[in-house]
């Protein structure tokens, strides 16, 4: 059984993030439209958004907000800006 993991992430600007997955896929995604719900409200502030870290195989913020690696993997690829 293969578990998809984010192994590295880099902030690109606005709400875009470059992600490296453990299956050798690298992609840029825009999370702006994914910031729905109370836990994601603080992330609408770009200064807060860009302070994520890779933790528990995905990206996570200090307030506990995160996205499943499978969700990130399925997002459409965007230009890095």
C-alpha atoms as a PDB file:
ATOM      1  CA  UNK A   1       0.000   0.000   0.000  1.00  0.00           C
ATOM      2  CA  UNK A   2       1.381   3.433  -0.976  1.00  0.00           C
ATOM      3  CA  UNK A   3       0.777   6.483   1.193  1.00  0.00           C
ATOM      4  CA  UNK A   4       1.075   9.827  -0.562  1.00  0.00           C
ATOM      5  CA  UNK A   5       3.172  12.340   1.365  1.00  0.00           C
ATOM      6  CA  UNK A   6       4.330  15.920   0.946  1.00  0.00           C
ATOM      7  CA  UNK A   7       8.070  15.848   1.583  1.00  0.00           C
ATOM      8  CA  UNK A   8       8.907  19.484   0.841  1.00  0.00           C
ATOM      9  CA  UNK A   9       6.982  22.722   0.274  1.00  0.00           C
ATOM     10  CA  UNK A  10       7.968  26.227  -0.773  1.00  0.00           C
ATOM     11  CA  UNK A  11       5.943  29.428  -0.611  1.00  0.00           C
ATOM     12  CA  UNK A  12       5.709  31.074  -4.050  1.00  0.00           C
ATOM     13  CA  UNK A  13       3.585  34.166  -3.443  1.00  0.00           C
ATOM     14  CA  UNK A  14      -0.070  35.036  -2.885  1.00  0.00           C
ATOM     15  CA  UNK A  15      -1.664  31.654  -2.025  1.00  0.00           C
ATOM     16  CA  UNK A  16       0.573  29.532  -4.239  1.00  0.00           C
ATOM     17  CA  UNK A  17       2.763  26.740  -2.952  1.00  0.00           C
ATOM     18  CA  UNK A  18       5.240  24.459  -4.713  1.00  0.00           C
ATOM     19  CA  UNK A  19       4.931  20.903  -3.408  1.00  0.00           C
ATOM     20  CA  UNK A  20       7.231  17.903  -3.663  1.00  0.00           C
ATOM     21  CA  UNK A  21       5.515  14.528  -3.196  1.00  0.00           C
ATOM     22  CA  UNK A  22       7.083  11.194  -2.302  1.00  0.00           C
ATOM     23  CA  UNK A  23       6.147   9.758  -5.719  1.00  0.00           C
ATOM     24  CA  UNK A  24       8.577  12.183  -7.474  1.00  0.00           C
ATOM     25  CA  UNK A  25       5.794  14.567  -8.561  1.00  0.00           C
ATOM     26  CA  UNK A  26       6.442  18.291  -8.117  1.00  0.00           C
ATOM     27  CA  UNK A  27       3.614  20.746  -8.676  1.00  0.00           C
ATOM     28  CA  UNK A  28       2.532  24.301  -7.951  1.00  0.00           C
ATOM     29  CA  UNK A  29      -0.959  24.805  -6.536  1.00  0.00           C
ATOM     30  CA  UNK A  30      -3.094  27.793  -5.596  1.00  0.00           C
ATOM     31  CA  UNK A  31      -4.891  27.349  -2.279  1.00  0.00           C
ATOM     32  CA  UNK A  32      -6.891  30.588  -2.346  1.00  0.00           C
ATOM     33  CA  UNK A  33     -10.212  28.880  -3.141  1.00  0.00           C
ATOM     34  CA  UNK A  34      -9.507  26.131  -0.591  1.00  0.00           C
ATOM     35  CA  UNK A  35      -9.497  28.465   2.417  1.00  0.00           C
ATOM     36  CA  UNK A  36     -13.067  27.711   3.457  1.00  0.00           C
ATOM     37  CA  UNK A  37     -14.121  27.224   7.052  1.00  0.00           C
ATOM     38  CA  UNK A  38     -13.253  28.627  10.454  1.00  0.00           C
ATOM     39  CA  UNK A  39      -9.852  26.943  10.809  1.00  0.00           C
ATOM     40  CA  UNK A  40      -8.740  28.431   7.476  1.00  0.00           C
ATOM     41  CA  UNK A  41      -9.823  32.039   8.249  1.00  0.00           C
ATOM     42  CA  UNK A  42      -6.393  33.087   9.605  1.00  0.00           C
ATOM     43  CA  UNK A  43      -4.769  31.781   6.397  1.00  0.00           C
ATOM     44  CA  UNK A  44      -6.560  34.445   4.366  1.00  0.00           C
ATOM     45  CA  UNK A  45      -3.927  36.808   5.763  1.00  0.00           C
ATOM     46  CA  UNK A  46      -0.998  36.208   3.376  1.00  0.00           C
ATOM     47  CA  UNK A  47       1.563  36.950   6.099  1.00  0.00           C
ATOM     48  CA  UNK A  48       0.102  34.094   8.136  1.00  0.00           C
ATOM     49  CA  UNK A  49      -0.470  31.829   5.126  1.00  0.00           C
ATOM     50  CA  UNK A  50       3.183  31.827   4.100  1.00  0.00           C
ATOM     51  CA  UNK A  51       4.309  30.559   7.529  1.00  0.00           C
ATOM     52  CA  UNK A  52       3.461  26.871   6.992  1.00  0.00           C
ATOM     53  CA  UNK A  53       5.714  23.916   7.622  1.00  0.00           C
ATOM     54  CA  UNK A  54       5.817  20.323   6.432  1.00  0.00           C
ATOM     55  CA  UNK A  55       4.551  18.241   9.322  1.00  0.00           C
ATOM     56  CA  UNK A  56       2.931  14.817   9.483  1.00  0.00           C
ATOM     57  CA  UNK A  57       3.397  14.334   5.710  1.00  0.00           C
ATOM     58  CA  UNK A  58       1.577  17.497   4.609  1.00  0.00           C
ATOM     59  CA  UNK A  59       1.666  21.273   5.043  1.00  0.00           C
ATOM     60  CA  UNK A  60       0.400  22.628   8.339  1.00  0.00           C
ATOM     61  CA  UNK A  61       0.009  26.010  10.022  1.00  0.00           C
ATOM     62  CA  UNK A  62       0.493  26.877  13.689  1.00  0.00           C
ATOM     63  CA  UNK A  63      -3.288  27.008  14.294  1.00  0.00           C
ATOM     64  CA  UNK A  64      -3.571  23.327  13.269  1.00  0.00           C
ATOM     65  CA  UNK A  65      -4.974  23.957   9.781  1.00  0.00           C
ATOM     66  CA  UNK A  66      -3.736  21.520   7.170  1.00  0.00           C
ATOM     67  CA  UNK A  67      -4.722  19.805   3.926  1.00  0.00           C
ATOM     68  CA  UNK A  68      -4.614  16.096   3.203  1.00  0.00           C
ATOM     69  CA  UNK A  69      -1.751  15.284   0.827  1.00  0.00           C
ATOM     70  CA  UNK A  70      -4.252  13.569  -1.476  1.00  0.00           C
ATOM     71  CA  UNK A  71      -6.285  16.775  -1.689  1.00  0.00           C
ATOM     72  CA  UNK A  72      -3.185  18.818  -2.535  1.00  0.00           C
ATOM     73  CA  UNK A  73      -2.154  16.253  -5.138  1.00  0.00           C
ATOM     74  CA  UNK A  74      -5.515  16.469  -6.913  1.00  0.00           C
ATOM     75  CA  UNK A  75      -5.538  20.273  -7.176  1.00  0.00           C
ATOM     76  CA  UNK A  76      -4.893  21.628 -10.655  1.00  0.00           C
ATOM     77  CA  UNK A  77      -1.363  22.768 -11.361  1.00  0.00           C
ATOM     78  CA  UNK A  78      -0.850  26.520 -11.740  1.00  0.00           C
ATOM     79  CA  UNK A  79       2.033  28.700 -12.861  1.00  0.00           C
ATOM     80  CA  UNK A  80       4.484  29.624 -10.083  1.00  0.00           C
ATOM     81  CA  UNK A  81       3.853  33.408 -10.640  1.00  0.00           C
END
